[in-house]
């Protein structure tokens, strides 16, 4: 099978030798049996074929360049997609770590913060354990369950913790209650 280069080589030889087909008038018309219709002469046909080959070479180079661009784009896109997936995974991990950190910080703060209970807070703890500290000479400390709230014969509010009565007026002066044990 003849290639384009073979045809061009044959035309170049024909131009050099001024060879013509049998019955060739140089018109290159199919009417006269010439397979190269459309060219006015062998040199014109040679010129058209060389342009075609040049265009084909350029097209082939452009196609290869374009294919290289497409391949590069696909690789870049794939890397970008992989980076986005990895980033989303890392973002999820960071969010989980932050959630854990916030929960841990809140827990730690709750462990560290142990303010004395107010009278109203102590009322809300009825039936629950509280840490009691005597502030006077006895310095007793310990867990007890808040019993009930009442008033003495003089109308003073008091709380019963275990079997002891503590007066509201003395809260913070002779005794104190906490949610958690104080270290």
Protein backbone atom coordinates (compact mmCIF):
# COMPACT_ATOMS: atom_id res chain seq x y z
CA UNK A 1 0.00 0.00 0.00
CA UNK A 2 1.35 3.38 -0.96
CA UNK A 3 1.83 5.98 1.73
CA UNK A 4 1.51 9.70 1.25
CA UNK A 5 5.28 10.01 1.28
CA UNK A 6 5.52 7.39 -1.51
CA UNK A 7 3.05 9.33 -3.68
CA UNK A 8 4.95 12.58 -3.08
CA UNK A 9 8.25 10.86 -3.95
CA UNK A 10 6.71 9.53 -7.18
CA UNK A 11 5.42 12.98 -8.13
CA UNK A 12 8.82 14.53 -7.42
CA UNK A 13 10.46 12.00 -9.70
CA UNK A 14 7.83 12.68 -12.39
CA UNK A 15 8.50 16.42 -12.12
CA UNK A 16 12.23 15.89 -12.31
CA UNK A 17 11.98 13.55 -15.29
CA UNK A 18 8.94 15.26 -16.72
CA UNK A 19 7.35 11.84 -16.88
CA UNK A 20 3.75 11.62 -17.75
CA UNK A 21 1.24 8.85 -17.92
CA UNK A 22 0.34 7.48 -21.29
CA UNK A 23 -2.04 9.90 -22.97
CA UNK A 24 -1.11 12.55 -20.30
CA UNK A 25 -1.72 16.09 -21.35
CA UNK A 26 -0.55 17.43 -18.00
CA UNK A 27 -4.06 18.45 -17.03
CA UNK A 28 -4.41 15.87 -14.26
CA UNK A 29 -8.10 15.55 -14.96
CA UNK A 30 -10.11 12.42 -14.33
CA UNK A 31 -11.66 12.89 -17.73
CA UNK A 32 -8.33 11.85 -19.16
CA UNK A 33 -7.93 9.02 -16.65
CA UNK A 34 -5.63 10.88 -14.22
CA UNK A 35 -6.17 9.94 -10.56
CA UNK A 36 -5.08 13.39 -9.33
CA UNK A 37 -8.13 15.43 -10.28
CA UNK A 38 -8.20 19.11 -9.33
CA UNK A 39 -4.56 20.06 -9.95
CA UNK A 40 -3.57 21.88 -13.09
CA UNK A 41 -0.19 20.23 -13.33
CA UNK A 42 2.05 17.69 -11.67
CA UNK A 43 3.94 20.45 -9.80
CA UNK A 44 0.60 21.81 -8.52
CA UNK A 45 -0.44 18.33 -7.42
CA UNK A 46 2.94 17.93 -5.70
CA UNK A 47 2.45 21.28 -3.96
CA UNK A 48 -1.04 20.29 -2.74
CA UNK A 49 0.20 16.94 -1.50
CA UNK A 50 3.09 18.57 0.40
CA UNK A 51 0.67 21.07 1.98
CA UNK A 52 -1.60 18.21 2.93
CA UNK A 53 1.35 16.36 4.48
CA UNK A 54 2.44 19.52 6.31
CA UNK A 55 -1.11 20.11 7.56
CA UNK A 56 -1.31 16.47 8.59
CA UNK A 57 2.01 16.77 10.46
CA UNK A 58 0.81 19.96 12.17
CA UNK A 59 -2.53 18.38 12.96
CA UNK A 60 -0.77 15.33 14.36
CA UNK A 61 1.51 17.58 16.47
CA UNK A 62 -1.51 19.59 17.61
CA UNK A 63 -3.38 16.39 18.41
CA UNK A 64 -0.43 15.09 20.44
CA UNK A 65 -0.08 18.45 22.18
CA UNK A 66 -3.81 18.54 22.88
CA UNK A 67 -3.72 14.94 24.10
CA UNK A 68 -0.82 15.89 26.39
CA UNK A 69 -2.86 18.80 27.69
CA UNK A 70 -5.88 16.54 28.26
CA UNK A 71 -3.72 13.92 30.01
CA UNK A 72 -2.12 16.62 32.16
CA UNK A 73 -5.54 18.07 32.98
CA UNK A 74 -6.90 14.64 33.93
CA UNK A 75 -3.89 13.96 36.18
CA UNK A 76 -4.23 17.40 37.75
CA UNK A 77 -7.99 16.93 38.20
CA UNK A 78 -7.47 13.50 39.75
CA UNK A 79 -4.85 14.92 42.14
CA UNK A 80 -7.20 17.78 42.98
CA UNK A 81 -10.10 15.40 43.62
CA UNK A 82 -7.88 13.20 45.78
CA UNK A 83 -6.73 16.30 47.69
CA UNK A 84 -10.35 17.41 48.20
CA UNK A 85 -11.32 13.95 49.46
CA UNK A 86 -8.32 13.91 51.79
CA UNK A 87 -9.13 17.44 52.96
CA UNK A 88 -12.74 16.46 53.71
CA UNK A 89 -11.46 13.42 55.63
CA UNK A 90 -9.01 15.60 57.57
CA UNK A 91 -11.76 18.17 58.22
CA UNK A 92 -13.94 15.40 59.67
CA UNK A 93 -11.04 14.26 61.87
CA UNK A 94 -10.37 17.83 63.01
CA UNK A 95 -14.06 18.35 63.81
CA UNK A 96 -14.10 15.13 65.84
CA UNK A 97 -10.96 16.22 67.69
CA UNK A 98 -12.45 19.68 68.35
CA UNK A 99 -15.68 18.13 69.60
CA UNK A 100 -13.70 15.85 71.91
CA UNK A 101 -11.57 18.82 73.03
CA UNK A 102 -14.61 20.96 73.82
CA UNK A 103 -16.22 18.11 75.78
CA UNK A 104 -12.96 17.44 77.63
CA UNK A 105 -12.44 21.14 78.38
CA UNK A 106 -15.99 21.41 79.70
CA UNK A 107 -15.50 18.31 81.84
CA UNK A 108 -12.16 19.63 83.15
CA UNK A 109 -13.67 23.02 83.92
CA UNK A 110 -16.50 21.35 85.77
CA UNK A 111 -13.97 19.33 87.74
CA UNK A 112 -11.95 22.41 88.61
CA UNK A 113 -14.82 24.77 89.31
CA UNK A 114 -16.61 23.85 92.49
CA UNK A 115 -18.13 27.02 93.90
CA UNK A 116 -19.96 26.92 97.22
CA UNK A 117 -23.68 26.26 96.89
CA UNK A 118 -26.09 29.08 97.55
CA UNK A 119 -29.16 28.49 99.73
CA UNK A 120 -31.38 28.13 96.62
CA UNK A 121 -28.92 25.71 94.98
CA UNK A 122 -28.82 23.72 98.20
CA UNK A 123 -32.64 23.54 98.20
CA UNK A 124 -32.52 22.11 94.67
CA UNK A 125 -30.18 19.37 95.94
CA UNK A 126 -32.72 17.94 98.41
CA UNK A 127 -32.29 14.16 98.60
CA UNK A 128 -28.90 14.35 96.90
CA UNK A 129 -25.42 14.09 98.38
CA UNK A 130 -23.43 17.23 99.09
CA UNK A 131 -19.95 17.86 100.43
CA UNK A 132 -20.19 19.65 103.78
CA UNK A 133 -17.34 21.52 105.43
CA UNK A 134 -17.49 23.00 108.93
CA UNK A 135 -15.49 26.18 108.97
CA UNK A 136 -15.08 26.65 112.73
CA UNK A 137 -12.83 24.87 115.19
CA UNK A 138 -14.09 21.42 114.20
CA UNK A 139 -13.07 21.58 110.52
CA UNK A 140 -15.18 18.51 109.80
CA UNK A 141 -15.53 17.56 106.10
CA UNK A 142 -17.59 14.86 104.50
CA UNK A 143 -20.42 13.69 102.29
CA UNK A 144 -23.99 13.86 103.53
CA UNK A 145 -27.44 13.74 101.97
CA UNK A 146 -29.57 16.87 102.09
CA UNK A 147 -32.58 15.93 104.20
CA UNK A 148 -35.25 18.60 104.42
CA UNK A 149 -35.74 22.29 104.89
CA UNK A 150 -37.61 23.80 107.81
CA UNK A 151 -37.86 26.78 110.12
CA UNK A 152 -36.95 26.75 113.79
CA UNK A 153 -39.14 28.20 116.55
CA UNK A 154 -37.77 31.67 115.82
CA UNK A 155 -38.51 31.50 112.06
CA UNK A 156 -34.93 30.94 111.00
CA UNK A 157 -34.51 28.77 107.90
CA UNK A 158 -32.46 25.65 108.34
CA UNK A 159 -31.54 22.51 106.47
CA UNK A 160 -31.17 19.07 107.90
CA UNK A 161 -28.16 17.20 106.55
CA UNK A 162 -28.00 13.70 107.93
CA UNK A 163 -28.95 14.29 111.58
CA UNK A 164 -27.51 17.79 111.89
CA UNK A 165 -29.30 21.09 111.36
CA UNK A 166 -27.51 23.94 109.59
CA UNK A 167 -28.88 27.46 109.60
CA UNK A 168 -29.20 29.61 106.47
CA UNK A 169 -27.73 32.58 108.36
CA UNK A 170 -24.54 30.62 109.07
CA UNK A 171 -24.03 29.47 105.44
CA UNK A 172 -20.58 30.64 104.42
CA UNK A 173 -19.69 31.61 108.01
CA UNK A 174 -19.60 28.39 110.01
CA UNK A 175 -20.41 25.84 107.31
CA UNK A 176 -20.38 25.47 103.54
CA UNK A 177 -21.86 22.98 101.05
CA UNK A 178 -20.41 21.96 97.66
CA UNK A 179 -21.49 19.76 94.77
CA UNK A 180 -18.16 17.97 94.72
CA UNK A 181 -15.52 17.08 97.20
CA UNK A 182 -12.97 19.81 97.71
CA UNK A 183 -9.36 18.72 97.65
